[in-house]
Amino acid sequence: MKEFSLHVKVVIKTEDELTPQEMRLLDEARQATYRSYAPYSHFSVGAAVELADGTIVSGCNQENAAYPSGLCAERTAVFYANSQHPDKPIRRICIAARDTKGRFLQRPISPCGACRQVLLEAEQRAGNDIEVFLYGTEETYIIRSIKDLLPLSFDESFL
């Protein structure tokens, strides 16, 4: 039998430790939560992506009574960025969420599996790592790359 381990380095910062550029991205993600359409779960998620030229594009979750027809904030932001700025790779993404009472979550929220897969392909297409910021009111997790969130991933090399 063989065995191996996977390790992910997570940097943890408080808001006062973030750079002005990081705070701008975080603020855009938080603001995006207020544009969320979440009449069923009442769980509002916002995502903001920073492109290589500094442009920030945001998205929010969009629910539907037929649940599979909705879309997460991360994919909304990535798809919009790719459709409006196809030649500008994504450099960073920040994700923030508010609970059913409208309060931002204390602990950072992480993207679902489908969003991780979409982000991984965006990272591969761009040929650079996408840094991930997961916001919580107490602390923000910073992860170097989408690959760190989706180890042993499926990609085009298997097709």
N, C-alpha and C. Protein backbone atom coordinates (compact mmCIF):
# COMPACT_ATOMS: atom_id res chain seq x y z
N MET A 1 0.84 -1.18 0.00
CA MET A 1 0.00 0.00 0.00
C MET A 1 0.88 1.24 0.00
N LYS A 2 0.45 2.24 -0.77
CA LYS A 2 1.13 3.53 -0.78
C LYS A 2 0.18 4.57 -0.25
N GLU A 3 0.74 5.67 0.15
CA GLU A 3 -0.07 6.75 0.70
C GLU A 3 0.62 8.07 0.42
N PHE A 4 -0.17 9.11 0.22
CA PHE A 4 0.39 10.45 0.13
C PHE A 4 -0.58 11.43 0.76
N SER A 5 -0.07 12.59 1.11
CA SER A 5 -0.88 13.62 1.76
C SER A 5 -0.95 14.85 0.86
N LEU A 6 -2.04 15.55 0.98
CA LEU A 6 -2.22 16.83 0.30
C LEU A 6 -2.30 17.90 1.36
N HIS A 7 -1.59 18.99 1.14
CA HIS A 7 -1.58 20.08 2.11
C HIS A 7 -1.93 21.38 1.41
N VAL A 8 -2.70 22.20 2.07
CA VAL A 8 -3.06 23.51 1.53
C VAL A 8 -2.62 24.57 2.52
N LYS A 9 -1.87 25.52 2.02
CA LYS A 9 -1.46 26.65 2.85
C LYS A 9 -2.55 27.71 2.78
N VAL A 10 -3.01 28.15 3.94
CA VAL A 10 -4.03 29.19 4.03
C VAL A 10 -3.45 30.33 4.87
N VAL A 11 -3.40 31.51 4.27
CA VAL A 11 -2.98 32.70 4.99
C VAL A 11 -4.25 33.32 5.58
N ILE A 12 -4.19 33.71 6.83
CA ILE A 12 -5.35 34.30 7.50
C ILE A 12 -5.01 35.75 7.85
N LYS A 13 -5.87 36.67 7.36
CA LYS A 13 -5.68 38.08 7.64
C LYS A 13 -6.96 38.69 8.21
N THR A 14 -6.80 39.69 9.03
CA THR A 14 -7.93 40.50 9.45
C THR A 14 -8.03 41.66 8.45
N GLU A 15 -9.15 42.38 8.50
CA GLU A 15 -9.35 43.46 7.54
C GLU A 15 -8.23 44.50 7.59
N ASP A 16 -7.73 44.82 8.78
CA ASP A 16 -6.69 45.84 8.87
C ASP A 16 -5.34 45.36 8.33
N GLU A 17 -5.22 44.08 8.03
CA GLU A 17 -3.99 43.55 7.45
C GLU A 17 -4.05 43.46 5.92
N LEU A 18 -5.21 43.71 5.34
CA LEU A 18 -5.36 43.64 3.89
C LEU A 18 -4.82 44.91 3.24
N THR A 19 -4.29 44.77 2.03
CA THR A 19 -3.81 45.93 1.28
C THR A 19 -5.01 46.72 0.76
N PRO A 20 -4.82 47.95 0.33
CA PRO A 20 -5.94 48.72 -0.24
C PRO A 20 -6.58 48.01 -1.45
N GLN A 21 -5.78 47.38 -2.29
CA GLN A 21 -6.32 46.65 -3.44
C GLN A 21 -7.15 45.45 -3.00
N GLU A 22 -6.67 44.75 -1.98
CA GLU A 22 -7.41 43.60 -1.45
C GLU A 22 -8.72 44.06 -0.82
N MET A 23 -8.68 45.18 -0.10
CA MET A 23 -9.90 45.72 0.52
C MET A 23 -10.91 46.15 -0.53
N ARG A 24 -10.44 46.70 -1.64
CA ARG A 24 -11.33 47.10 -2.72
C ARG A 24 -12.06 45.88 -3.28
N LEU A 25 -11.34 44.79 -3.48
CA LEU A 25 -11.94 43.55 -3.97
C LEU A 25 -12.94 43.00 -2.95
N LEU A 26 -12.57 43.01 -1.69
CA LEU A 26 -13.45 42.56 -0.62
C LEU A 26 -14.72 43.40 -0.55
N ASP A 27 -14.57 44.70 -0.65
CA ASP A 27 -15.74 45.58 -0.61
C ASP A 27 -16.69 45.31 -1.78
N GLU A 28 -16.14 45.05 -2.96
CA GLU A 28 -16.97 44.73 -4.12
C GLU A 28 -17.73 43.42 -3.92
N ALA A 29 -17.08 42.43 -3.32
CA ALA A 29 -17.76 41.15 -3.04
C ALA A 29 -18.88 41.35 -2.03
N ARG A 30 -18.61 42.13 -0.99
CA ARG A 30 -19.64 42.39 0.01
C ARG A 30 -20.82 43.14 -0.60
N GLN A 31 -20.54 44.15 -1.42
CA GLN A 31 -21.62 44.91 -2.05
C GLN A 31 -22.45 44.03 -2.98
N ALA A 32 -21.81 43.09 -3.64
CA ALA A 32 -22.53 42.20 -4.55
C ALA A 32 -23.58 41.37 -3.82
N THR A 33 -23.37 41.10 -2.53
CA THR A 33 -24.37 40.31 -1.78
C THR A 33 -25.71 41.02 -1.74
N TYR A 34 -25.70 42.34 -1.82
CA TYR A 34 -26.94 43.12 -1.76
C TYR A 34 -27.72 43.08 -3.08
N ARG A 35 -27.10 42.57 -4.13
CA ARG A 35 -27.78 42.42 -5.42
C ARG A 35 -28.22 40.97 -5.64
N SER A 36 -27.98 40.14 -4.67
CA SER A 36 -28.35 38.72 -4.75
C SER A 36 -29.86 38.57 -4.90
N TYR A 37 -30.25 37.55 -5.63
CA TYR A 37 -31.67 37.19 -5.71
C TYR A 37 -31.79 35.83 -5.02
N ALA A 38 -32.16 35.86 -3.75
CA ALA A 38 -32.20 34.65 -2.93
C ALA A 38 -33.52 34.55 -2.16
N PRO A 39 -34.66 34.53 -2.87
CA PRO A 39 -35.95 34.52 -2.17
C PRO A 39 -36.28 33.20 -1.50
N TYR A 40 -35.54 32.14 -1.79
CA TYR A 40 -35.83 30.83 -1.23
C TYR A 40 -34.91 30.50 -0.06
N SER A 41 -33.62 30.63 -0.26
CA SER A 41 -32.68 30.31 0.82
C SER A 41 -32.43 31.51 1.74
N HIS A 42 -32.63 32.71 1.24
CA HIS A 42 -32.32 33.94 1.97
C HIS A 42 -30.85 33.98 2.38
N PHE A 43 -30.01 33.32 1.60
CA PHE A 43 -28.57 33.25 1.82
C PHE A 43 -27.92 33.97 0.65
N SER A 44 -27.42 35.16 0.89
CA SER A 44 -26.92 36.03 -0.18
C SER A 44 -25.41 35.93 -0.30
N VAL A 45 -24.94 35.59 -1.50
CA VAL A 45 -23.52 35.43 -1.76
C VAL A 45 -23.10 36.41 -2.84
N GLY A 46 -21.94 37.01 -2.64
CA GLY A 46 -21.35 37.90 -3.63
C GLY A 46 -19.94 37.46 -3.93
N ALA A 47 -19.54 37.65 -5.17
CA ALA A 47 -18.17 37.34 -5.57
C ALA A 47 -17.66 38.49 -6.43
N ALA A 48 -16.40 38.79 -6.28
CA ALA A 48 -15.76 39.80 -7.11
C ALA A 48 -14.45 39.22 -7.64
N VAL A 49 -14.23 39.39 -8.93
CA VAL A 49 -12.98 38.94 -9.53
C VAL A 49 -12.19 40.16 -9.98
N GLU A 50 -10.90 40.09 -9.76
CA GLU A 50 -10.00 41.14 -10.22
C GLU A 50 -9.25 40.60 -11.42
N LEU A 51 -9.31 41.34 -12.51
CA LEU A 51 -8.63 40.94 -13.73
C LEU A 51 -7.20 41.43 -13.72
N ALA A 52 -6.40 40.93 -14.64
CA ALA A 52 -4.98 41.25 -14.67
C ALA A 52 -4.70 42.74 -14.77
N ASP A 53 -5.61 43.50 -15.39
CA ASP A 53 -5.41 44.95 -15.53
C ASP A 53 -5.99 45.75 -14.37
N GLY A 54 -6.50 45.07 -13.34
CA GLY A 54 -7.07 45.75 -12.17
C GLY A 54 -8.58 45.94 -12.22
N THR A 55 -9.19 45.67 -13.37
CA THR A 55 -10.65 45.75 -13.48
C THR A 55 -11.28 44.77 -12.51
N ILE A 56 -12.35 45.19 -11.84
CA ILE A 56 -13.08 44.30 -10.94
C ILE A 56 -14.48 44.09 -11.49
N VAL A 57 -14.87 42.84 -11.56
CA VAL A 57 -16.19 42.42 -12.03
C VAL A 57 -16.82 41.62 -10.90
N SER A 58 -18.08 41.89 -10.60
CA SER A 58 -18.72 41.16 -9.51
C SER A 58 -19.96 40.41 -9.99
N GLY A 59 -20.38 39.48 -9.16
CA GLY A 59 -21.58 38.70 -9.43
C GLY A 59 -22.20 38.29 -8.12
N CYS A 60 -23.43 37.81 -8.18
CA CYS A 60 -24.13 37.37 -6.98
C CYS A 60 -24.97 36.15 -7.31
N ASN A 61 -25.36 35.42 -6.28
CA ASN A 61 -26.17 34.24 -6.53
C ASN A 61 -27.55 34.64 -7.03
N GLN A 62 -28.08 33.81 -7.90
CA GLN A 62 -29.38 34.03 -8.53
C GLN A 62 -30.17 32.74 -8.38
N GLU A 63 -31.17 32.74 -7.52
CA GLU A 63 -31.96 31.53 -7.27
C GLU A 63 -33.16 31.45 -8.22
N ASN A 64 -33.73 30.27 -8.24
CA ASN A 64 -34.90 30.00 -9.06
C ASN A 64 -35.71 28.94 -8.32
N ALA A 65 -37.02 28.97 -8.47
CA ALA A 65 -37.86 27.97 -7.80
C ALA A 65 -37.46 26.55 -8.21
N ALA A 66 -37.00 26.39 -9.44
CA ALA A 66 -36.42 25.11 -9.88
C ALA A 66 -34.92 25.22 -9.54
N TYR A 67 -34.56 24.80 -8.34
CA TYR A 67 -33.22 25.05 -7.80
C TYR A 67 -32.06 24.83 -8.77
N PRO A 68 -32.03 23.77 -9.55
CA PRO A 68 -30.87 23.62 -10.43
C PRO A 68 -30.74 24.73 -11.47
N SER A 69 -31.78 25.51 -11.64
CA SER A 69 -31.74 26.58 -12.65
C SER A 69 -31.07 27.85 -12.14
N GLY A 70 -30.77 27.93 -10.87
CA GLY A 70 -30.10 29.10 -10.32
C GLY A 70 -28.61 29.05 -10.62
N LEU A 71 -27.89 30.05 -10.15
CA LEU A 71 -26.45 30.10 -10.39
C LEU A 71 -25.76 30.77 -9.21
N CYS A 72 -24.61 30.22 -8.85
CA CYS A 72 -23.82 30.75 -7.74
C CYS A 72 -23.15 32.07 -8.12
N ALA A 73 -22.79 32.83 -7.12
CA ALA A 73 -22.14 34.12 -7.31
C ALA A 73 -20.80 33.99 -8.03
N GLU A 74 -20.03 32.97 -7.67
CA GLU A 74 -18.70 32.80 -8.25
C GLU A 74 -18.78 32.60 -9.77
N ARG A 75 -19.69 31.72 -10.18
CA ARG A 75 -19.83 31.46 -11.61
C ARG A 75 -20.42 32.66 -12.33
N THR A 76 -21.35 33.37 -11.69
CA THR A 76 -21.90 34.58 -12.29
C THR A 76 -20.78 35.58 -12.59
N ALA A 77 -19.91 35.80 -11.61
CA ALA A 77 -18.80 36.76 -11.78
C ALA A 77 -17.81 36.29 -12.84
N VAL A 78 -17.44 35.03 -12.80
CA VAL A 78 -16.46 34.50 -13.76
C VAL A 78 -17.01 34.53 -15.18
N PHE A 79 -18.25 34.10 -15.36
CA PHE A 79 -18.82 34.08 -16.70
C PHE A 79 -18.98 35.48 -17.25
N TYR A 80 -19.40 36.43 -16.40
CA TYR A 80 -19.51 37.81 -16.85
C TYR A 80 -18.14 38.36 -17.24
N ALA A 81 -17.14 38.12 -16.40
CA ALA A 81 -15.78 38.60 -16.70
C ALA A 81 -15.28 38.02 -18.02
N ASN A 82 -15.50 36.72 -18.22
CA ASN A 82 -15.04 36.09 -19.46
C ASN A 82 -15.79 36.59 -20.68
N SER A 83 -17.07 36.89 -20.53
CA SER A 83 -17.85 37.36 -21.68
C SER A 83 -17.55 38.81 -22.02
N GLN A 84 -17.25 39.65 -21.03
CA GLN A 84 -17.00 41.06 -21.27
C GLN A 84 -15.52 41.41 -21.45
N HIS A 85 -14.65 40.57 -20.91
CA HIS A 85 -13.20 40.82 -20.96
C HIS A 85 -12.46 39.52 -21.30
N PRO A 86 -12.72 38.94 -22.48
CA PRO A 86 -12.18 37.61 -22.78
C PRO A 86 -10.66 37.52 -22.83
N ASP A 87 -9.99 38.63 -23.03
CA ASP A 87 -8.53 38.61 -23.14
C ASP A 87 -7.82 39.04 -21.86
N LYS A 88 -8.58 39.22 -20.78
CA LYS A 88 -8.00 39.64 -19.51
C LYS A 88 -8.16 38.51 -18.50
N PRO A 89 -7.07 37.85 -18.15
CA PRO A 89 -7.19 36.75 -17.18
C PRO A 89 -7.57 37.23 -15.79
N ILE A 90 -8.23 36.35 -15.07
CA ILE A 90 -8.60 36.63 -13.69
C ILE A 90 -7.38 36.43 -12.81
N ARG A 91 -7.14 37.39 -11.93
CA ARG A 91 -6.00 37.32 -11.02
C ARG A 91 -6.40 36.90 -9.62
N ARG A 92 -7.58 37.37 -9.17
CA ARG A 92 -8.06 37.09 -7.82
C ARG A 92 -9.57 36.98 -7.82
N ILE A 93 -10.08 36.26 -6.82
CA ILE A 93 -11.52 36.23 -6.57
C ILE A 93 -11.72 36.36 -5.06
N CYS A 94 -12.77 37.09 -4.69
CA CYS A 94 -13.15 37.21 -3.28
C CYS A 94 -14.62 36.80 -3.17
N ILE A 95 -14.93 36.04 -2.14
CA ILE A 95 -16.29 35.55 -1.93
C ILE A 95 -16.75 35.96 -0.53
N ALA A 96 -17.96 36.52 -0.47
CA ALA A 96 -18.55 36.95 0.80
C ALA A 96 -20.00 36.48 0.84
N ALA A 97 -20.53 36.28 2.04
CA ALA A 97 -21.93 35.83 2.15
C ALA A 97 -22.58 36.42 3.38
N ARG A 98 -23.91 36.61 3.25
CA ARG A 98 -24.73 37.06 4.38
C ARG A 98 -25.72 35.95 4.71
N ASP A 99 -26.00 35.77 5.99
CA ASP A 99 -26.90 34.71 6.43
C ASP A 99 -28.37 35.09 6.25
N THR A 100 -29.25 34.24 6.70
CA THR A 100 -30.69 34.47 6.52
C THR A 100 -31.21 35.68 7.28
N LYS A 101 -30.41 36.20 8.21
CA LYS A 101 -30.79 37.42 8.94
C LYS A 101 -30.11 38.65 8.36
N GLY A 102 -29.39 38.48 7.26
CA GLY A 102 -28.74 39.60 6.59
C GLY A 102 -27.38 39.98 7.13
N ARG A 103 -26.83 39.16 8.03
CA ARG A 103 -25.52 39.46 8.62
C ARG A 103 -24.42 38.74 7.84
N PHE A 104 -23.28 39.42 7.66
CA PHE A 104 -22.15 38.76 7.03
C PHE A 104 -21.68 37.62 7.94
N LEU A 105 -21.25 36.54 7.33
CA LEU A 105 -20.81 35.37 8.08
C LEU A 105 -19.52 35.66 8.84
N GLN A 106 -19.42 35.14 10.05
CA GLN A 106 -18.20 35.30 10.84
C GLN A 106 -17.07 34.47 10.24
N ARG A 107 -17.40 33.24 9.86
CA ARG A 107 -16.39 32.34 9.29
C ARG A 107 -16.42 32.44 7.77
N PRO A 108 -15.26 32.35 7.12
CA PRO A 108 -15.22 32.42 5.66
C PRO A 108 -16.03 31.30 5.01
N ILE A 109 -16.60 31.63 3.86
CA ILE A 109 -17.37 30.66 3.08
C ILE A 109 -16.53 30.25 1.87
N SER A 110 -16.63 29.00 1.51
CA SER A 110 -15.85 28.45 0.41
C SER A 110 -16.77 28.11 -0.77
N PRO A 111 -16.25 28.15 -2.00
CA PRO A 111 -17.09 27.85 -3.16
C PRO A 111 -17.51 26.38 -3.21
N CYS A 112 -18.66 26.14 -3.83
CA CYS A 112 -19.13 24.76 -4.01
C CYS A 112 -18.26 24.06 -5.05
N GLY A 113 -18.47 22.78 -5.21
CA GLY A 113 -17.68 21.99 -6.15
C GLY A 113 -17.81 22.45 -7.59
N ALA A 114 -19.02 22.78 -8.02
CA ALA A 114 -19.22 23.24 -9.40
C ALA A 114 -18.45 24.54 -9.64
N CYS A 115 -18.48 25.45 -8.68
CA CYS A 115 -17.75 26.71 -8.83
C CYS A 115 -16.24 26.46 -8.83
N ARG A 116 -15.79 25.55 -8.01
CA ARG A 116 -14.36 25.22 -7.99
C ARG A 116 -13.91 24.71 -9.36
N GLN A 117 -14.74 23.86 -9.97
CA GLN A 117 -14.40 23.32 -11.28
C GLN A 117 -14.33 24.44 -12.34
N VAL A 118 -15.29 25.35 -12.32
CA VAL A 118 -15.30 26.47 -13.27
C VAL A 118 -14.09 27.37 -13.03
N LEU A 119 -13.78 27.66 -11.78
CA LEU A 119 -12.63 28.49 -11.46
C LEU A 119 -11.33 27.82 -11.86
N LEU A 120 -11.25 26.51 -11.69
CA LEU A 120 -10.05 25.78 -12.09
C LEU A 120 -9.81 25.92 -13.59
N GLU A 121 -10.87 25.79 -14.37
CA GLU A 121 -10.71 25.92 -15.81
C GLU A 121 -10.35 27.35 -16.20
N ALA A 122 -10.89 28.34 -15.50
CA ALA A 122 -10.51 29.74 -15.76
C ALA A 122 -9.03 29.94 -15.45
N GLU A 123 -8.57 29.32 -14.40
CA GLU A 123 -7.16 29.40 -14.02
C GLU A 123 -6.28 28.74 -15.08
N GLN A 124 -6.68 27.58 -15.54
CA GLN A 124 -5.90 26.87 -16.56
C GLN A 124 -5.90 27.63 -17.88
N ARG A 125 -7.04 28.15 -18.26
CA ARG A 125 -7.16 28.90 -19.51
C ARG A 125 -6.26 30.14 -19.48
N ALA A 126 -6.20 30.80 -18.33
CA ALA A 126 -5.40 32.01 -18.19
C ALA A 126 -3.90 31.71 -18.09
N GLY A 127 -3.57 30.51 -17.66
CA GLY A 127 -2.17 30.15 -17.50
C GLY A 127 -1.53 30.78 -16.27
N ASN A 128 -2.34 31.17 -15.31
CA ASN A 128 -1.81 31.72 -14.06
C ASN A 128 -2.71 31.33 -12.89
N ASP A 129 -2.15 31.36 -11.69
CA ASP A 129 -2.93 31.06 -10.50
C ASP A 129 -3.97 32.15 -10.26
N ILE A 130 -5.12 31.76 -9.74
CA ILE A 130 -6.12 32.71 -9.28
C ILE A 130 -6.10 32.65 -7.76
N GLU A 131 -5.73 33.75 -7.15
CA GLU A 131 -5.69 33.83 -5.69
C GLU A 131 -7.13 33.93 -5.18
N VAL A 132 -7.42 33.21 -4.09
CA VAL A 132 -8.77 33.12 -3.56
C VAL A 132 -8.84 33.77 -2.19
N PHE A 133 -9.78 34.71 -2.04
CA PHE A 133 -10.04 35.37 -0.76
C PHE A 133 -11.42 34.91 -0.29
N LEU A 134 -11.47 34.30 0.88
CA LEU A 134 -12.72 33.83 1.46
C LEU A 134 -12.99 34.69 2.69
N TYR A 135 -14.01 35.54 2.59
CA TYR A 135 -14.27 36.54 3.62
C TYR A 135 -15.13 36.03 4.77
N GLY A 136 -14.73 36.38 5.97
CA GLY A 136 -15.52 36.23 7.18
C GLY A 136 -15.28 37.48 8.01
N THR A 137 -16.23 37.88 8.82
CA THR A 137 -16.07 39.13 9.56
C THR A 137 -14.90 39.07 10.54
N GLU A 138 -14.59 37.89 11.03
CA GLU A 138 -13.49 37.75 11.97
C GLU A 138 -12.14 37.64 11.29
N GLU A 139 -12.13 37.03 10.10
CA GLU A 139 -10.88 36.83 9.37
C GLU A 139 -11.17 36.45 7.94
N THR A 140 -10.19 36.68 7.09
CA THR A 140 -10.28 36.32 5.68
C THR A 140 -9.20 35.30 5.38
N TYR A 141 -9.60 34.21 4.74
CA TYR A 141 -8.64 33.20 4.32
C TYR A 141 -8.15 33.57 2.92
N ILE A 142 -6.86 33.41 2.70
CA ILE A 142 -6.28 33.66 1.39
C ILE A 142 -5.56 32.39 0.96
N ILE A 143 -5.96 31.90 -0.21
CA ILE A 143 -5.42 30.65 -0.75
C ILE A 143 -4.76 30.98 -2.08
N ARG A 144 -3.59 30.45 -2.29
CA ARG A 144 -2.74 30.77 -3.43
C ARG A 144 -3.37 30.49 -4.79
N SER A 145 -4.13 29.41 -4.89
CA SER A 145 -4.59 28.96 -6.20
C SER A 145 -5.87 28.14 -6.07
N ILE A 146 -6.65 28.14 -7.12
CA ILE A 146 -7.84 27.29 -7.16
C ILE A 146 -7.44 25.82 -7.05
N LYS A 147 -6.29 25.47 -7.60
CA LYS A 147 -5.82 24.08 -7.51
C LYS A 147 -5.74 23.61 -6.06
N ASP A 148 -5.47 24.53 -5.15
CA ASP A 148 -5.40 24.17 -3.74
C ASP A 148 -6.78 23.85 -3.16
N LEU A 149 -7.83 24.41 -3.78
CA LEU A 149 -9.20 24.11 -3.33
C LEU A 149 -9.77 22.87 -4.00
N LEU A 150 -9.13 22.43 -5.08
CA LEU A 150 -9.65 21.29 -5.83
C LEU A 150 -8.50 20.36 -6.24
N PRO A 151 -7.85 19.74 -5.23
CA PRO A 151 -6.75 18.83 -5.57
C PRO A 151 -7.29 17.57 -6.26
N LEU A 152 -6.44 16.91 -6.98
CA LEU A 152 -6.82 15.70 -7.73
C LEU A 152 -8.00 15.99 -8.65
N SER A 153 -7.95 17.12 -9.31
CA SER A 153 -9.06 17.61 -10.10
C SER A 153 -9.15 16.95 -11.48
N PHE A 154 -10.33 17.07 -12.06
CA PHE A 154 -10.59 16.61 -13.42
C PHE A 154 -10.39 17.79 -14.36
N ASP A 155 -9.62 17.57 -15.43
CA ASP A 155 -9.42 18.64 -16.41
C ASP A 155 -9.35 18.05 -17.81
N GLU A 156 -9.05 18.91 -18.78
CA GLU A 156 -9.05 18.49 -20.18
C GLU A 156 -8.03 17.41 -20.49
N SER A 157 -7.02 17.24 -19.65
CA SER A 157 -6.00 16.21 -19.92
C SER A 157 -6.58 14.80 -19.84
N PHE A 158 -7.76 14.64 -19.22
CA PHE A 158 -8.40 13.33 -19.13
C PHE A 158 -9.27 13.04 -20.32
N LEU A 159 -9.57 14.03 -21.15
CA LEU A 159 -10.48 13.85 -22.27
C LEU A 159 -9.77 13.30 -23.50
